[in-house]
Amino acid sequence: MHLNRVDELLIQSPDAVRVPLIGQALCAGFPSPADDFLEGALELPRWLVLNPPATFLWRISGSSMEGAGIYDRDLACVDRSLKPSHGSIVVAAVDGEMSCKRLVIDGNVARLAFCSPELPAFAVDELGEGLIWGVVRFSIRWHVARGRLS
């Protein structure tokens, strides 16, 4: 069985919830999710999505989060209702561009860190205008050859 499109993953169960899928890759950047950026929706079991109105799926682009187990082309499930804490994987809007990073809090300094030893963490206040947009609850990764998602 080869899954080539997101809509092939629909389970159509009364115990499922539809989660919007943002059409642009997370690292591509845009001010905020809007209907113009929605690619569709994926049905997930209700027990995975605790707050459906605040939950989005976002395709990951790049390899800077591989140390956290998040790989290029994975889908990140982002919950905007969760409060980020030290160690959380977050989606942050930095100068209007969306990015996935680990939140590191050291005393009074919050840093956004890549999960790659080659890339340094940087303080949130060094970034210009920054905002934690949501917390990544989990990611979805295919462990077989993947077809295109669109």
N, C-alpha and C. Protein backbone atom coordinates (compact mmCIF):
# COMPACT_ATOMS: atom_id res chain seq x y z
N MET A 1 0.85 -1.18 0.00
CA MET A 1 0.00 0.00 0.00
C MET A 1 0.89 1.24 0.00
N HIS A 2 0.69 2.13 -0.95
CA HIS A 2 1.46 3.37 -1.02
C HIS A 2 0.52 4.54 -0.78
N LEU A 3 0.88 5.40 0.17
CA LEU A 3 0.10 6.59 0.44
C LEU A 3 0.73 7.74 -0.30
N ASN A 4 0.02 8.28 -1.25
CA ASN A 4 0.56 9.36 -2.06
C ASN A 4 -0.08 10.70 -1.77
N ARG A 5 -1.21 10.72 -1.12
CA ARG A 5 -1.89 11.99 -0.86
C ARG A 5 -2.40 11.99 0.58
N VAL A 6 -2.50 13.17 1.17
CA VAL A 6 -2.98 13.30 2.54
C VAL A 6 -4.38 12.74 2.66
N ASP A 7 -5.26 12.98 1.68
CA ASP A 7 -6.64 12.53 1.81
C ASP A 7 -6.76 11.01 1.83
N GLU A 8 -5.72 10.28 1.46
CA GLU A 8 -5.74 8.83 1.57
C GLU A 8 -5.60 8.39 3.02
N LEU A 9 -5.24 9.29 3.91
CA LEU A 9 -5.09 8.96 5.32
C LEU A 9 -6.38 9.20 6.11
N LEU A 10 -7.44 9.67 5.47
CA LEU A 10 -8.69 9.94 6.17
C LEU A 10 -9.29 8.64 6.68
N ILE A 11 -9.67 8.62 7.95
CA ILE A 11 -10.22 7.41 8.54
C ILE A 11 -11.73 7.46 8.68
N GLN A 12 -12.32 8.61 8.58
CA GLN A 12 -13.76 8.81 8.62
C GLN A 12 -14.43 8.02 9.74
N SER A 13 -14.06 8.32 10.94
CA SER A 13 -14.59 7.67 12.13
C SER A 13 -15.27 8.71 13.00
N PRO A 14 -16.33 8.32 13.71
CA PRO A 14 -16.96 9.29 14.63
C PRO A 14 -16.04 9.68 15.78
N ASP A 15 -15.00 8.88 16.03
CA ASP A 15 -14.04 9.18 17.09
C ASP A 15 -12.82 9.93 16.56
N ALA A 16 -12.94 10.48 15.34
CA ALA A 16 -11.83 11.22 14.74
C ALA A 16 -12.18 12.69 14.68
N VAL A 17 -11.15 13.50 14.56
CA VAL A 17 -11.30 14.94 14.43
C VAL A 17 -10.48 15.39 13.22
N ARG A 18 -11.02 16.33 12.45
CA ARG A 18 -10.31 16.85 11.28
C ARG A 18 -9.38 17.97 11.74
N VAL A 19 -8.10 17.84 11.38
CA VAL A 19 -7.09 18.82 11.75
C VAL A 19 -6.60 19.49 10.47
N PRO A 20 -6.69 20.83 10.39
CA PRO A 20 -6.25 21.53 9.17
C PRO A 20 -4.76 21.31 8.90
N LEU A 21 -4.43 21.15 7.63
CA LEU A 21 -3.05 20.99 7.19
C LEU A 21 -2.62 22.26 6.49
N ILE A 22 -1.59 22.91 7.04
CA ILE A 22 -1.05 24.12 6.45
C ILE A 22 -0.30 23.73 5.18
N GLY A 23 -0.59 24.42 4.08
CA GLY A 23 -0.06 24.04 2.78
C GLY A 23 1.41 24.36 2.56
N GLN A 24 1.94 25.36 3.21
CA GLN A 24 3.34 25.72 3.01
C GLN A 24 4.20 25.06 4.08
N ALA A 25 5.42 24.72 3.73
CA ALA A 25 6.33 24.11 4.68
C ALA A 25 6.62 25.08 5.82
N LEU A 26 6.81 24.54 7.00
CA LEU A 26 6.99 25.36 8.20
C LEU A 26 8.12 26.35 8.08
N CYS A 27 9.24 25.99 7.54
CA CYS A 27 10.39 26.90 7.47
C CYS A 27 10.26 27.95 6.37
N ALA A 28 9.23 27.84 5.49
CA ALA A 28 9.06 28.80 4.40
C ALA A 28 8.67 30.17 4.93
N GLY A 29 7.84 30.23 5.93
CA GLY A 29 7.51 31.48 6.61
C GLY A 29 6.39 32.27 5.99
N PHE A 30 5.46 32.69 6.85
CA PHE A 30 4.40 33.62 6.52
C PHE A 30 3.83 34.12 7.83
N PRO A 31 3.12 35.23 7.83
CA PRO A 31 2.72 35.85 9.09
C PRO A 31 1.87 34.99 10.01
N SER A 32 0.82 34.35 9.50
CA SER A 32 0.00 33.49 10.35
C SER A 32 -0.85 32.60 9.47
N PRO A 33 -1.26 31.43 10.01
CA PRO A 33 -2.07 30.55 9.20
C PRO A 33 -3.41 31.20 8.90
N ALA A 34 -3.82 31.08 7.69
CA ALA A 34 -5.12 31.57 7.25
C ALA A 34 -5.66 30.59 6.25
N ASP A 35 -6.94 30.71 5.93
CA ASP A 35 -7.55 29.77 5.00
C ASP A 35 -6.81 29.72 3.67
N ASP A 36 -6.17 30.81 3.26
CA ASP A 36 -5.43 30.82 2.00
C ASP A 36 -4.27 29.82 2.02
N PHE A 37 -3.79 29.45 3.21
CA PHE A 37 -2.64 28.57 3.32
C PHE A 37 -3.02 27.13 3.64
N LEU A 38 -4.32 26.86 3.82
CA LEU A 38 -4.74 25.51 4.16
C LEU A 38 -4.73 24.63 2.93
N GLU A 39 -4.10 23.47 3.05
CA GLU A 39 -4.03 22.51 1.97
C GLU A 39 -5.18 21.53 2.04
N GLY A 40 -5.73 21.34 3.20
CA GLY A 40 -6.79 20.37 3.42
C GLY A 40 -6.84 20.04 4.89
N ALA A 41 -7.24 18.83 5.20
CA ALA A 41 -7.33 18.40 6.59
C ALA A 41 -7.02 16.92 6.65
N LEU A 42 -6.61 16.50 7.82
CA LEU A 42 -6.30 15.10 8.07
C LEU A 42 -7.15 14.68 9.25
N GLU A 43 -7.74 13.51 9.19
CA GLU A 43 -8.51 13.01 10.33
C GLU A 43 -7.58 12.23 11.24
N LEU A 44 -7.57 12.62 12.51
CA LEU A 44 -6.76 11.96 13.52
C LEU A 44 -7.66 11.49 14.64
N PRO A 45 -7.27 10.46 15.36
CA PRO A 45 -8.07 10.02 16.51
C PRO A 45 -8.22 11.16 17.51
N ARG A 46 -9.40 11.28 18.07
CA ARG A 46 -9.70 12.37 19.00
C ARG A 46 -8.74 12.37 20.20
N TRP A 47 -8.27 11.22 20.63
CA TRP A 47 -7.38 11.19 21.79
C TRP A 47 -6.02 11.80 21.51
N LEU A 48 -5.66 11.96 20.22
CA LEU A 48 -4.40 12.62 19.87
C LEU A 48 -4.52 14.14 19.83
N VAL A 49 -5.73 14.62 19.61
CA VAL A 49 -5.95 16.06 19.43
C VAL A 49 -6.85 16.54 20.57
N LEU A 50 -6.23 17.08 21.61
CA LEU A 50 -6.97 17.47 22.81
C LEU A 50 -7.78 18.74 22.62
N ASN A 51 -7.32 19.64 21.76
CA ASN A 51 -8.02 20.91 21.53
C ASN A 51 -8.12 21.17 20.03
N PRO A 52 -9.08 20.55 19.34
CA PRO A 52 -9.16 20.65 17.88
C PRO A 52 -9.16 22.07 17.31
N PRO A 53 -9.88 23.05 17.91
CA PRO A 53 -9.86 24.38 17.29
C PRO A 53 -8.49 25.07 17.32
N ALA A 54 -7.60 24.61 18.21
CA ALA A 54 -6.28 25.24 18.34
C ALA A 54 -5.17 24.39 17.72
N THR A 55 -5.54 23.35 16.96
CA THR A 55 -4.55 22.39 16.47
C THR A 55 -4.43 22.44 14.96
N PHE A 56 -3.18 22.42 14.48
CA PHE A 56 -2.87 22.45 13.06
C PHE A 56 -1.78 21.43 12.76
N LEU A 57 -1.75 20.94 11.54
CA LEU A 57 -0.63 20.13 11.06
C LEU A 57 0.19 20.98 10.12
N TRP A 58 1.49 20.82 10.22
CA TRP A 58 2.39 21.62 9.40
C TRP A 58 3.50 20.73 8.86
N ARG A 59 3.78 20.81 7.59
CA ARG A 59 4.85 20.04 6.98
C ARG A 59 6.19 20.67 7.36
N ILE A 60 7.14 19.84 7.76
CA ILE A 60 8.47 20.31 8.14
C ILE A 60 9.37 20.33 6.90
N SER A 61 10.20 21.35 6.82
CA SER A 61 11.16 21.47 5.73
C SER A 61 12.53 21.70 6.34
N GLY A 62 13.48 20.85 6.01
CA GLY A 62 14.83 21.03 6.51
C GLY A 62 15.22 19.98 7.53
N SER A 63 16.47 20.06 7.97
CA SER A 63 17.01 19.02 8.86
C SER A 63 17.46 19.55 10.22
N SER A 64 17.17 20.80 10.56
CA SER A 64 17.70 21.37 11.79
C SER A 64 17.06 20.81 13.06
N MET A 65 15.97 20.01 12.94
CA MET A 65 15.32 19.45 14.12
C MET A 65 15.49 17.94 14.22
N GLU A 66 16.41 17.37 13.43
CA GLU A 66 16.59 15.92 13.45
C GLU A 66 17.00 15.39 14.82
N GLY A 67 17.72 16.20 15.60
CA GLY A 67 18.11 15.79 16.95
C GLY A 67 16.92 15.60 17.86
N ALA A 68 15.78 16.17 17.51
CA ALA A 68 14.55 15.99 18.27
C ALA A 68 13.67 14.91 17.64
N GLY A 69 14.18 14.26 16.58
CA GLY A 69 13.39 13.22 15.92
C GLY A 69 12.39 13.74 14.92
N ILE A 70 12.56 14.99 14.48
CA ILE A 70 11.67 15.60 13.49
C ILE A 70 12.48 15.80 12.22
N TYR A 71 12.02 15.17 11.14
CA TYR A 71 12.78 15.12 9.89
C TYR A 71 12.07 15.86 8.77
N ASP A 72 12.84 16.17 7.74
CA ASP A 72 12.32 16.82 6.54
C ASP A 72 11.11 16.05 6.03
N ARG A 73 10.04 16.75 5.73
CA ARG A 73 8.78 16.23 5.19
C ARG A 73 7.88 15.56 6.23
N ASP A 74 8.29 15.52 7.53
CA ASP A 74 7.38 15.05 8.57
C ASP A 74 6.23 16.03 8.70
N LEU A 75 5.17 15.61 9.34
CA LEU A 75 4.07 16.52 9.68
C LEU A 75 4.14 16.78 11.18
N ALA A 76 4.18 18.05 11.57
CA ALA A 76 4.19 18.42 12.98
C ALA A 76 2.78 18.78 13.38
N CYS A 77 2.32 18.22 14.49
CA CYS A 77 1.01 18.57 15.04
C CYS A 77 1.24 19.67 16.08
N VAL A 78 0.75 20.86 15.79
CA VAL A 78 1.01 22.05 16.59
C VAL A 78 -0.26 22.46 17.32
N ASP A 79 -0.17 22.61 18.63
CA ASP A 79 -1.31 23.01 19.46
C ASP A 79 -1.04 24.41 20.00
N ARG A 80 -1.87 25.36 19.59
CA ARG A 80 -1.69 26.75 20.02
C ARG A 80 -2.16 27.00 21.45
N SER A 81 -2.88 26.06 22.05
CA SER A 81 -3.42 26.27 23.39
C SER A 81 -2.44 25.84 24.48
N LEU A 82 -1.39 25.13 24.12
CA LEU A 82 -0.43 24.66 25.13
C LEU A 82 0.54 25.77 25.51
N LYS A 83 0.90 25.80 26.78
CA LYS A 83 1.89 26.78 27.26
C LYS A 83 3.28 26.18 27.07
N PRO A 84 4.15 26.88 26.34
CA PRO A 84 5.51 26.35 26.16
C PRO A 84 6.31 26.43 27.45
N SER A 85 7.19 25.46 27.63
CA SER A 85 8.08 25.46 28.80
C SER A 85 9.46 25.03 28.33
N HIS A 86 10.40 25.08 29.25
CA HIS A 86 11.78 24.71 28.93
C HIS A 86 11.80 23.32 28.29
N GLY A 87 12.43 23.21 27.13
CA GLY A 87 12.55 21.95 26.43
C GLY A 87 11.46 21.68 25.41
N SER A 88 10.40 22.50 25.40
CA SER A 88 9.33 22.30 24.43
C SER A 88 9.83 22.53 23.01
N ILE A 89 9.31 21.74 22.07
CA ILE A 89 9.52 22.02 20.65
C ILE A 89 8.40 22.97 20.28
N VAL A 90 8.76 24.13 19.74
CA VAL A 90 7.77 25.17 19.47
C VAL A 90 7.83 25.61 18.01
N VAL A 91 6.74 26.23 17.60
CA VAL A 91 6.71 26.97 16.35
C VAL A 91 6.77 28.43 16.76
N ALA A 92 7.75 29.13 16.24
CA ALA A 92 7.94 30.54 16.59
C ALA A 92 7.86 31.39 15.35
N ALA A 93 7.23 32.54 15.49
CA ALA A 93 7.21 33.54 14.43
C ALA A 93 8.30 34.55 14.78
N VAL A 94 9.32 34.62 13.95
CA VAL A 94 10.43 35.55 14.18
C VAL A 94 10.47 36.50 12.99
N ASP A 95 10.19 37.77 13.27
CA ASP A 95 10.10 38.78 12.21
C ASP A 95 9.18 38.32 11.08
N GLY A 96 8.06 37.66 11.47
CA GLY A 96 7.06 37.24 10.50
C GLY A 96 7.33 35.92 9.81
N GLU A 97 8.46 35.27 10.13
CA GLU A 97 8.78 33.99 9.50
C GLU A 97 8.60 32.87 10.52
N MET A 98 7.92 31.79 10.11
CA MET A 98 7.64 30.68 11.00
C MET A 98 8.81 29.69 10.99
N SER A 99 9.14 29.16 12.18
CA SER A 99 10.25 28.25 12.31
C SER A 99 9.98 27.28 13.45
N CYS A 100 10.51 26.08 13.35
CA CYS A 100 10.37 25.07 14.40
C CYS A 100 11.70 25.00 15.16
N LYS A 101 11.65 25.17 16.49
CA LYS A 101 12.86 25.18 17.32
C LYS A 101 12.54 24.59 18.70
N ARG A 102 13.59 24.32 19.46
CA ARG A 102 13.43 23.91 20.86
C ARG A 102 13.54 25.17 21.73
N LEU A 103 12.63 25.34 22.68
CA LEU A 103 12.67 26.47 23.61
C LEU A 103 13.57 26.09 24.78
N VAL A 104 14.59 26.91 25.01
CA VAL A 104 15.53 26.69 26.11
C VAL A 104 15.46 27.91 27.01
N ILE A 105 15.10 27.70 28.27
CA ILE A 105 15.00 28.81 29.22
C ILE A 105 16.13 28.67 30.22
N ASP A 106 16.97 29.71 30.27
CA ASP A 106 18.12 29.74 31.17
C ASP A 106 17.99 31.00 32.01
N GLY A 107 17.49 30.84 33.23
CA GLY A 107 17.23 32.00 34.08
C GLY A 107 16.12 32.84 33.47
N ASN A 108 16.44 34.09 33.16
CA ASN A 108 15.47 34.99 32.55
C ASN A 108 15.60 35.09 31.03
N VAL A 109 16.45 34.26 30.45
CA VAL A 109 16.69 34.33 29.01
C VAL A 109 16.06 33.13 28.32
N ALA A 110 15.18 33.42 27.37
CA ALA A 110 14.57 32.38 26.55
C ALA A 110 15.34 32.31 25.24
N ARG A 111 15.72 31.11 24.87
CA ARG A 111 16.45 30.90 23.61
C ARG A 111 15.69 29.93 22.73
N LEU A 112 15.85 30.11 21.44
CA LEU A 112 15.33 29.16 20.47
C LEU A 112 16.53 28.40 19.93
N ALA A 113 16.50 27.09 20.04
CA ALA A 113 17.65 26.28 19.67
C ALA A 113 17.31 25.33 18.54
N PHE A 114 18.25 25.18 17.63
CA PHE A 114 18.17 24.12 16.64
C PHE A 114 18.49 22.82 17.38
N CYS A 115 18.03 21.72 16.88
CA CYS A 115 18.39 20.42 17.47
C CYS A 115 19.48 19.79 16.63
N SER A 116 20.53 20.56 16.45
CA SER A 116 21.69 20.14 15.69
C SER A 116 22.91 20.76 16.36
N PRO A 117 23.92 19.97 16.68
CA PRO A 117 25.07 20.53 17.38
C PRO A 117 25.86 21.56 16.56
N GLU A 118 25.69 21.55 15.25
CA GLU A 118 26.43 22.50 14.40
C GLU A 118 25.80 23.90 14.40
N LEU A 119 24.57 24.01 14.88
CA LEU A 119 23.87 25.29 14.82
C LEU A 119 23.65 25.84 16.22
N PRO A 120 24.00 27.10 16.48
CA PRO A 120 23.90 27.67 17.83
C PRO A 120 22.47 28.07 18.18
N ALA A 121 22.20 28.10 19.49
CA ALA A 121 20.94 28.66 19.99
C ALA A 121 21.06 30.17 19.95
N PHE A 122 19.93 30.85 19.87
CA PHE A 122 19.96 32.30 19.88
C PHE A 122 18.86 32.81 20.79
N ALA A 123 19.16 33.90 21.51
CA ALA A 123 18.19 34.48 22.45
C ALA A 123 17.02 35.07 21.68
N VAL A 124 15.83 34.86 22.22
CA VAL A 124 14.63 35.36 21.56
C VAL A 124 14.69 36.88 21.40
N ASP A 125 15.22 37.60 22.41
CA ASP A 125 15.26 39.06 22.30
C ASP A 125 16.29 39.55 21.30
N GLU A 126 17.17 38.68 20.84
CA GLU A 126 18.15 39.05 19.81
C GLU A 126 17.56 38.97 18.40
N LEU A 127 16.37 38.47 18.30
CA LEU A 127 15.80 38.15 17.00
C LEU A 127 14.93 39.25 16.41
N GLY A 128 14.77 40.32 17.08
CA GLY A 128 13.81 41.32 16.61
C GLY A 128 12.47 40.99 17.22
N GLU A 129 11.44 40.96 16.41
CA GLU A 129 10.10 40.68 16.90
C GLU A 129 9.85 39.17 16.86
N GLY A 130 9.73 38.55 18.03
CA GLY A 130 9.54 37.11 18.11
C GLY A 130 8.31 36.76 18.91
N LEU A 131 7.66 35.65 18.55
CA LEU A 131 6.45 35.22 19.23
C LEU A 131 6.38 33.71 19.15
N ILE A 132 6.15 33.05 20.29
CA ILE A 132 5.91 31.61 20.29
C ILE A 132 4.48 31.42 19.81
N TRP A 133 4.32 30.73 18.70
CA TRP A 133 3.02 30.58 18.05
C TRP A 133 2.28 29.35 18.54
N GLY A 134 3.00 28.27 18.85
CA GLY A 134 2.37 27.04 19.31
C GLY A 134 3.41 26.03 19.73
N VAL A 135 2.94 24.93 20.31
CA VAL A 135 3.81 23.87 20.80
C VAL A 135 3.56 22.62 19.95
N VAL A 136 4.64 21.98 19.54
CA VAL A 136 4.52 20.74 18.78
C VAL A 136 4.21 19.61 19.76
N ARG A 137 3.03 19.00 19.59
CA ARG A 137 2.63 17.86 20.46
C ARG A 137 3.28 16.57 20.00
N PHE A 138 3.32 16.35 18.67
CA PHE A 138 3.92 15.15 18.11
C PHE A 138 4.16 15.38 16.64
N SER A 139 4.89 14.46 16.03
CA SER A 139 5.09 14.54 14.59
C SER A 139 4.72 13.19 13.98
N ILE A 140 4.41 13.24 12.70
CA ILE A 140 4.06 12.04 11.94
C ILE A 140 5.15 11.84 10.91
N ARG A 141 5.72 10.64 10.90
CA ARG A 141 6.79 10.33 9.96
C ARG A 141 6.47 9.00 9.29
N TRP A 142 6.70 8.95 8.01
CA TRP A 142 6.55 7.71 7.26
C TRP A 142 7.86 6.94 7.37
N HIS A 143 7.78 5.65 7.58
CA HIS A 143 8.97 4.81 7.70
C HIS A 143 9.17 3.92 6.47
N VAL A 144 8.45 4.24 5.43
CA VAL A 144 8.60 3.58 4.14
C VAL A 144 8.76 4.66 3.11
N ALA A 145 9.13 4.31 1.90
CA ALA A 145 9.25 5.32 0.84
C ALA A 145 7.94 6.08 0.74
N ARG A 146 8.04 7.41 0.72
CA ARG A 146 6.85 8.25 0.71
C ARG A 146 6.59 8.81 -0.67
N GLY A 147 5.32 8.86 -1.01
CA GLY A 147 4.91 9.56 -2.21
C GLY A 147 4.73 11.03 -1.89
N ARG A 148 4.34 11.79 -2.85
CA ARG A 148 4.07 13.21 -2.63
C ARG A 148 2.83 13.36 -1.78
N LEU A 149 2.80 14.39 -0.93
CA LEU A 149 1.65 14.63 -0.08
C LEU A 149 0.61 15.50 -0.77
N SER A 150 0.90 15.98 -1.92
CA SER A 150 -0.09 16.84 -2.57
C SER A 150 -0.27 16.40 -4.00
